[in-house]
Amino acid sequence: MKTQMFARIALASAVVFLLHACATVAPTGPAALTGTWTNSMGTVWTMKADGTFDVDLNHDGKRDAWGKCTVEGNTVTIIGTGGVVPKGCAKTTGVYHFTRTKDTLHFTLVKDPCKLRVKNVTLDWKKK
């Protein structure tokens, strides 16, 4: 009888532990980036689940630039496809590693020839 009770308690404890562990693991892949984010420059970046994004550079509620991204693990490849294109950034691709903790995203440069994008992307982003 005591063995059955101990087994039930052990099983229940294991289930609670696993549920807690799953809930606290930082998301990766496209789900980690999906949402609306803002940085200290006031840039608003809306990442969609389909791999597209919109950027509001001057925080006026209007899309200034847009593009596509692909995510593999914790690496994102970004390419702008329309809107404002800074000098030297047309048809360039940026590659970054990212980490997400709760409502903060941080990007680390892997390679990107577009200096303005690097300056903006590598700031910390807060979920709106």
N, C-alpha and C. Protein backbone atom coordinates (compact mmCIF):
# COMPACT_ATOMS: atom_id res chain seq x y z
N MET A 1 0.82 -1.19 0.00
CA MET A 1 0.00 0.00 0.00
C MET A 1 0.87 1.26 0.00
N LYS A 2 1.91 1.26 0.88
CA LYS A 2 2.79 2.42 0.96
C LYS A 2 3.58 2.58 -0.34
N THR A 3 3.94 1.48 -0.98
CA THR A 3 4.68 1.52 -2.23
C THR A 3 3.83 2.16 -3.33
N GLN A 4 2.55 1.82 -3.40
CA GLN A 4 1.65 2.42 -4.39
C GLN A 4 1.53 3.92 -4.17
N MET A 5 1.38 4.33 -2.93
CA MET A 5 1.24 5.75 -2.61
C MET A 5 2.52 6.51 -2.98
N PHE A 6 3.67 5.91 -2.66
CA PHE A 6 4.95 6.53 -3.00
C PHE A 6 5.09 6.66 -4.51
N ALA A 7 4.72 5.63 -5.26
CA ALA A 7 4.80 5.65 -6.72
C ALA A 7 3.91 6.75 -7.30
N ARG A 8 2.71 6.91 -6.75
CA ARG A 8 1.80 7.95 -7.23
C ARG A 8 2.36 9.34 -6.97
N ILE A 9 2.92 9.53 -5.78
CA ILE A 9 3.50 10.83 -5.44
C ILE A 9 4.71 11.13 -6.34
N ALA A 10 5.54 10.12 -6.56
CA ALA A 10 6.71 10.29 -7.42
C ALA A 10 6.29 10.62 -8.84
N LEU A 11 5.28 9.93 -9.36
CA LEU A 11 4.79 10.19 -10.72
C LEU A 11 4.20 11.59 -10.82
N ALA A 12 3.40 11.98 -9.85
CA ALA A 12 2.80 13.31 -9.86
C ALA A 12 3.88 14.39 -9.80
N SER A 13 4.90 14.17 -8.98
CA SER A 13 6.00 15.13 -8.88
C SER A 13 6.75 15.26 -10.20
N ALA A 14 6.99 14.12 -10.86
CA ALA A 14 7.68 14.13 -12.15
C ALA A 14 6.87 14.89 -13.20
N VAL A 15 5.57 14.70 -13.23
CA VAL A 15 4.70 15.40 -14.19
C VAL A 15 4.74 16.90 -13.94
N VAL A 16 4.62 17.31 -12.69
CA VAL A 16 4.67 18.74 -12.36
C VAL A 16 6.02 19.33 -12.75
N PHE A 17 7.11 18.63 -12.48
CA PHE A 17 8.44 19.10 -12.84
C PHE A 17 8.57 19.28 -14.35
N LEU A 18 8.12 18.29 -15.12
CA LEU A 18 8.21 18.37 -16.58
C LEU A 18 7.36 19.52 -17.14
N LEU A 19 6.18 19.70 -16.62
CA LEU A 19 5.33 20.81 -17.07
C LEU A 19 5.99 22.15 -16.78
N HIS A 20 6.56 22.29 -15.61
CA HIS A 20 7.25 23.52 -15.25
C HIS A 20 8.46 23.75 -16.17
N ALA A 21 9.21 22.71 -16.44
CA ALA A 21 10.38 22.82 -17.30
C ALA A 21 9.98 23.25 -18.70
N CYS A 22 8.91 22.70 -19.23
CA CYS A 22 8.45 23.07 -20.58
C CYS A 22 7.97 24.52 -20.61
N ALA A 23 7.38 24.98 -19.57
CA ALA A 23 6.85 26.35 -19.53
C ALA A 23 7.94 27.39 -19.40
N THR A 24 9.11 27.03 -18.87
CA THR A 24 10.15 28.01 -18.65
C THR A 24 11.27 27.97 -19.68
N VAL A 25 11.22 27.05 -20.64
CA VAL A 25 12.24 26.99 -21.68
C VAL A 25 12.03 28.15 -22.64
N ALA A 26 13.10 28.88 -22.95
CA ALA A 26 13.01 30.01 -23.87
C ALA A 26 12.67 29.49 -25.27
N PRO A 27 11.72 30.15 -25.93
CA PRO A 27 11.33 29.70 -27.27
C PRO A 27 12.44 29.94 -28.28
N THR A 28 12.52 29.06 -29.26
CA THR A 28 13.44 29.22 -30.38
C THR A 28 12.65 29.04 -31.65
N GLY A 29 13.30 29.17 -32.79
CA GLY A 29 12.62 29.05 -34.06
C GLY A 29 11.71 30.24 -34.31
N PRO A 30 10.85 30.17 -35.34
CA PRO A 30 10.00 31.29 -35.70
C PRO A 30 9.11 31.79 -34.55
N ALA A 31 8.66 30.90 -33.70
CA ALA A 31 7.78 31.30 -32.59
C ALA A 31 8.46 32.28 -31.64
N ALA A 32 9.77 32.19 -31.51
CA ALA A 32 10.50 33.08 -30.60
C ALA A 32 10.47 34.53 -31.07
N LEU A 33 10.35 34.74 -32.37
CA LEU A 33 10.40 36.09 -32.92
C LEU A 33 9.02 36.69 -33.19
N THR A 34 8.01 35.85 -33.30
CA THR A 34 6.68 36.33 -33.66
C THR A 34 6.15 37.31 -32.62
N GLY A 35 5.66 38.44 -33.11
CA GLY A 35 5.11 39.46 -32.23
C GLY A 35 5.55 40.84 -32.64
N THR A 36 5.19 41.82 -31.84
CA THR A 36 5.57 43.20 -32.10
C THR A 36 6.59 43.62 -31.05
N TRP A 37 7.72 44.13 -31.51
CA TRP A 37 8.87 44.44 -30.67
C TRP A 37 9.27 45.90 -30.87
N THR A 38 9.87 46.49 -29.85
CA THR A 38 10.37 47.86 -29.96
C THR A 38 11.74 47.94 -29.30
N ASN A 39 12.57 48.87 -29.79
CA ASN A 39 13.90 49.05 -29.20
C ASN A 39 14.06 50.49 -28.71
N SER A 40 15.23 50.81 -28.18
CA SER A 40 15.47 52.13 -27.58
C SER A 40 15.50 53.26 -28.61
N MET A 41 15.62 52.94 -29.90
CA MET A 41 15.56 53.97 -30.94
C MET A 41 14.11 54.30 -31.32
N GLY A 42 13.16 53.55 -30.76
CA GLY A 42 11.76 53.76 -31.09
C GLY A 42 11.29 52.97 -32.30
N THR A 43 12.15 52.15 -32.86
CA THR A 43 11.78 51.32 -34.00
C THR A 43 10.80 50.25 -33.53
N VAL A 44 9.76 50.03 -34.33
CA VAL A 44 8.78 48.98 -34.04
C VAL A 44 8.91 47.93 -35.13
N TRP A 45 9.13 46.70 -34.72
CA TRP A 45 9.37 45.58 -35.64
C TRP A 45 8.31 44.53 -35.38
N THR A 46 7.46 44.29 -36.37
CA THR A 46 6.41 43.29 -36.25
C THR A 46 6.80 42.07 -37.06
N MET A 47 7.06 40.98 -36.35
CA MET A 47 7.46 39.72 -36.97
C MET A 47 6.24 38.81 -37.02
N LYS A 48 5.96 38.27 -38.19
CA LYS A 48 4.78 37.41 -38.38
C LYS A 48 5.20 35.95 -38.46
N ALA A 49 4.28 35.07 -38.12
CA ALA A 49 4.54 33.63 -38.11
C ALA A 49 4.89 33.08 -39.49
N ASP A 50 4.49 33.79 -40.56
CA ASP A 50 4.77 33.31 -41.91
C ASP A 50 6.16 33.69 -42.41
N GLY A 51 6.97 34.33 -41.55
CA GLY A 51 8.33 34.69 -41.93
C GLY A 51 8.46 36.06 -42.56
N THR A 52 7.40 36.85 -42.55
CA THR A 52 7.48 38.21 -43.05
C THR A 52 7.53 39.18 -41.87
N PHE A 53 7.97 40.41 -42.15
CA PHE A 53 8.01 41.41 -41.10
C PHE A 53 7.75 42.80 -41.66
N ASP A 54 7.32 43.69 -40.79
CA ASP A 54 7.14 45.11 -41.10
C ASP A 54 7.94 45.90 -40.08
N VAL A 55 8.49 47.04 -40.53
CA VAL A 55 9.27 47.90 -39.65
C VAL A 55 8.71 49.31 -39.71
N ASP A 56 8.44 49.87 -38.55
CA ASP A 56 8.03 51.27 -38.41
C ASP A 56 9.22 51.98 -37.78
N LEU A 57 10.02 52.65 -38.62
CA LEU A 57 11.26 53.26 -38.16
C LEU A 57 11.06 54.48 -37.28
N ASN A 58 10.01 55.25 -37.56
CA ASN A 58 9.82 56.50 -36.82
C ASN A 58 8.63 56.47 -35.87
N HIS A 59 8.12 55.30 -35.58
CA HIS A 59 7.08 55.11 -34.56
C HIS A 59 5.82 55.94 -34.83
N ASP A 60 5.46 56.05 -36.13
CA ASP A 60 4.26 56.82 -36.47
C ASP A 60 3.07 55.92 -36.84
N GLY A 61 3.23 54.62 -36.65
CA GLY A 61 2.14 53.69 -36.95
C GLY A 61 2.07 53.26 -38.40
N LYS A 62 3.02 53.73 -39.23
CA LYS A 62 3.03 53.36 -40.65
C LYS A 62 4.26 52.52 -40.95
N ARG A 63 4.08 51.54 -41.80
CA ARG A 63 5.16 50.65 -42.20
C ARG A 63 6.14 51.40 -43.10
N ASP A 64 7.40 51.44 -42.70
CA ASP A 64 8.43 52.12 -43.49
C ASP A 64 9.27 51.15 -44.31
N ALA A 65 9.40 49.93 -43.83
CA ALA A 65 10.17 48.90 -44.53
C ALA A 65 9.55 47.55 -44.21
N TRP A 66 9.83 46.58 -45.06
CA TRP A 66 9.29 45.24 -44.85
C TRP A 66 10.22 44.23 -45.50
N GLY A 67 10.02 42.98 -45.15
CA GLY A 67 10.89 41.96 -45.70
C GLY A 67 10.52 40.57 -45.24
N LYS A 68 11.50 39.67 -45.39
CA LYS A 68 11.31 38.26 -45.03
C LYS A 68 12.47 37.82 -44.16
N CYS A 69 12.20 36.81 -43.36
CA CYS A 69 13.28 36.22 -42.58
C CYS A 69 13.05 34.72 -42.48
N THR A 70 14.14 34.03 -42.29
CA THR A 70 14.08 32.59 -42.04
C THR A 70 14.78 32.34 -40.71
N VAL A 71 14.26 31.37 -39.98
CA VAL A 71 14.81 31.06 -38.67
C VAL A 71 15.16 29.58 -38.63
N GLU A 72 16.37 29.30 -38.20
CA GLU A 72 16.81 27.93 -37.97
C GLU A 72 17.44 27.90 -36.59
N GLY A 73 16.76 27.25 -35.65
CA GLY A 73 17.25 27.22 -34.28
C GLY A 73 17.26 28.62 -33.70
N ASN A 74 18.45 29.12 -33.37
CA ASN A 74 18.56 30.48 -32.83
C ASN A 74 19.28 31.42 -33.80
N THR A 75 19.23 31.10 -35.10
CA THR A 75 19.84 31.94 -36.12
C THR A 75 18.75 32.45 -37.06
N VAL A 76 18.76 33.76 -37.29
CA VAL A 76 17.78 34.36 -38.18
C VAL A 76 18.52 35.03 -39.34
N THR A 77 17.98 34.85 -40.54
CA THR A 77 18.49 35.51 -41.73
C THR A 77 17.43 36.50 -42.18
N ILE A 78 17.82 37.76 -42.32
CA ILE A 78 16.90 38.85 -42.60
C ILE A 78 17.22 39.45 -43.96
N ILE A 79 16.18 39.70 -44.76
CA ILE A 79 16.36 40.43 -46.01
C ILE A 79 15.18 41.39 -46.18
N GLY A 80 15.52 42.65 -46.39
CA GLY A 80 14.49 43.65 -46.68
C GLY A 80 14.03 43.51 -48.11
N THR A 81 12.72 43.59 -48.33
CA THR A 81 12.21 43.44 -49.69
C THR A 81 11.49 44.70 -50.20
N GLY A 82 11.28 45.69 -49.33
CA GLY A 82 10.61 46.89 -49.79
C GLY A 82 10.66 48.02 -48.78
N GLY A 83 10.24 49.18 -49.24
CA GLY A 83 10.21 50.34 -48.38
C GLY A 83 11.55 51.04 -48.34
N VAL A 84 11.85 51.67 -47.21
CA VAL A 84 13.09 52.41 -47.02
C VAL A 84 14.28 51.45 -47.08
N VAL A 85 15.22 51.74 -47.96
CA VAL A 85 16.42 50.92 -48.07
C VAL A 85 17.62 51.85 -47.91
N PRO A 86 18.33 51.76 -46.80
CA PRO A 86 19.51 52.61 -46.59
C PRO A 86 20.58 52.36 -47.65
N LYS A 87 21.40 53.38 -47.89
CA LYS A 87 22.48 53.27 -48.86
C LYS A 87 23.38 52.08 -48.52
N GLY A 88 23.67 51.28 -49.52
CA GLY A 88 24.53 50.12 -49.34
C GLY A 88 23.83 48.89 -48.80
N CYS A 89 22.50 48.96 -48.66
CA CYS A 89 21.78 47.84 -48.04
C CYS A 89 20.84 47.11 -49.01
N ALA A 90 20.72 47.61 -50.22
CA ALA A 90 19.80 46.99 -51.18
C ALA A 90 20.22 45.55 -51.46
N LYS A 91 19.27 44.67 -51.37
CA LYS A 91 19.45 43.24 -51.68
C LYS A 91 20.56 42.59 -50.86
N THR A 92 20.74 43.06 -49.64
CA THR A 92 21.73 42.42 -48.77
C THR A 92 21.00 41.57 -47.73
N THR A 93 21.71 40.62 -47.21
CA THR A 93 21.16 39.71 -46.21
C THR A 93 21.94 39.88 -44.91
N GLY A 94 21.19 39.91 -43.81
CA GLY A 94 21.81 39.97 -42.49
C GLY A 94 21.59 38.66 -41.76
N VAL A 95 22.60 38.18 -41.09
CA VAL A 95 22.50 36.93 -40.32
C VAL A 95 22.87 37.25 -38.88
N TYR A 96 22.00 36.82 -37.96
CA TYR A 96 22.18 37.09 -36.54
C TYR A 96 21.83 35.86 -35.71
N HIS A 97 22.49 35.70 -34.59
CA HIS A 97 22.06 34.75 -33.57
C HIS A 97 21.15 35.53 -32.64
N PHE A 98 20.16 34.87 -32.06
CA PHE A 98 19.29 35.57 -31.14
C PHE A 98 19.03 34.74 -29.89
N THR A 99 18.73 35.47 -28.81
CA THR A 99 18.29 34.85 -27.57
C THR A 99 17.05 35.59 -27.12
N ARG A 100 16.16 34.86 -26.52
CA ARG A 100 14.95 35.46 -25.98
C ARG A 100 14.79 35.03 -24.54
N THR A 101 14.59 36.02 -23.68
CA THR A 101 14.27 35.75 -22.29
C THR A 101 13.01 36.51 -21.98
N LYS A 102 11.96 35.78 -21.65
CA LYS A 102 10.63 36.37 -21.40
C LYS A 102 10.23 37.30 -22.53
N ASP A 103 10.22 38.61 -22.27
CA ASP A 103 9.75 39.58 -23.26
C ASP A 103 10.88 40.42 -23.84
N THR A 104 12.10 39.88 -23.87
CA THR A 104 13.24 40.59 -24.42
C THR A 104 13.93 39.73 -25.47
N LEU A 105 14.26 40.36 -26.60
CA LEU A 105 15.03 39.70 -27.65
C LEU A 105 16.38 40.40 -27.75
N HIS A 106 17.42 39.62 -27.94
CA HIS A 106 18.75 40.18 -28.15
C HIS A 106 19.36 39.48 -29.36
N PHE A 107 19.90 40.28 -30.28
CA PHE A 107 20.53 39.76 -31.49
C PHE A 107 22.03 40.01 -31.45
N THR A 108 22.80 39.01 -31.87
CA THR A 108 24.24 39.12 -31.98
C THR A 108 24.61 38.96 -33.45
N LEU A 109 25.38 39.88 -33.96
CA LEU A 109 25.77 39.88 -35.37
C LEU A 109 26.59 38.65 -35.73
N VAL A 110 26.20 38.00 -36.81
CA VAL A 110 27.02 36.96 -37.43
C VAL A 110 27.68 37.58 -38.65
N LYS A 111 26.84 38.11 -39.57
CA LYS A 111 27.36 38.89 -40.71
C LYS A 111 26.22 39.72 -41.31
N ASP A 112 26.55 40.93 -41.66
CA ASP A 112 25.58 41.84 -42.28
C ASP A 112 26.34 43.04 -42.82
N PRO A 113 26.33 43.25 -44.14
CA PRO A 113 27.05 44.40 -44.71
C PRO A 113 26.32 45.73 -44.49
N CYS A 114 25.08 45.69 -44.03
CA CYS A 114 24.28 46.90 -43.85
C CYS A 114 24.49 47.48 -42.44
N LYS A 115 25.32 48.51 -42.35
CA LYS A 115 25.69 49.07 -41.04
C LYS A 115 24.50 49.63 -40.27
N LEU A 116 23.56 50.27 -40.97
CA LEU A 116 22.40 50.84 -40.28
C LEU A 116 21.51 49.73 -39.69
N ARG A 117 21.35 48.64 -40.43
CA ARG A 117 20.56 47.53 -39.91
C ARG A 117 21.24 46.92 -38.68
N VAL A 118 22.56 46.75 -38.75
CA VAL A 118 23.31 46.21 -37.61
C VAL A 118 23.09 47.09 -36.38
N LYS A 119 23.20 48.40 -36.56
CA LYS A 119 23.04 49.35 -35.45
C LYS A 119 21.67 49.21 -34.80
N ASN A 120 20.63 49.03 -35.61
CA ASN A 120 19.26 48.94 -35.11
C ASN A 120 18.95 47.56 -34.54
N VAL A 121 19.30 46.52 -35.27
CA VAL A 121 18.94 45.15 -34.88
C VAL A 121 19.65 44.71 -33.60
N THR A 122 20.89 45.12 -33.40
CA THR A 122 21.65 44.63 -32.25
C THR A 122 21.30 45.32 -30.93
N LEU A 123 20.35 46.25 -30.96
CA LEU A 123 19.82 46.81 -29.71
C LEU A 123 18.88 45.78 -29.09
N ASP A 124 18.66 45.85 -27.79
CA ASP A 124 17.69 44.95 -27.16
C ASP A 124 16.28 45.34 -27.57
N TRP A 125 15.43 44.34 -27.75
CA TRP A 125 14.04 44.54 -28.18
C TRP A 125 13.11 44.07 -27.07
N LYS A 126 12.11 44.87 -26.79
CA LYS A 126 11.10 44.55 -25.78
C LYS A 126 9.78 44.27 -26.49
N LYS A 127 9.08 43.25 -26.02
CA LYS A 127 7.78 42.90 -26.60
C LYS A 127 6.76 43.96 -26.22
N LYS A 128 5.99 44.39 -27.20
CA LYS A 128 4.95 45.40 -26.96
C LYS A 128 3.69 44.73 -26.45
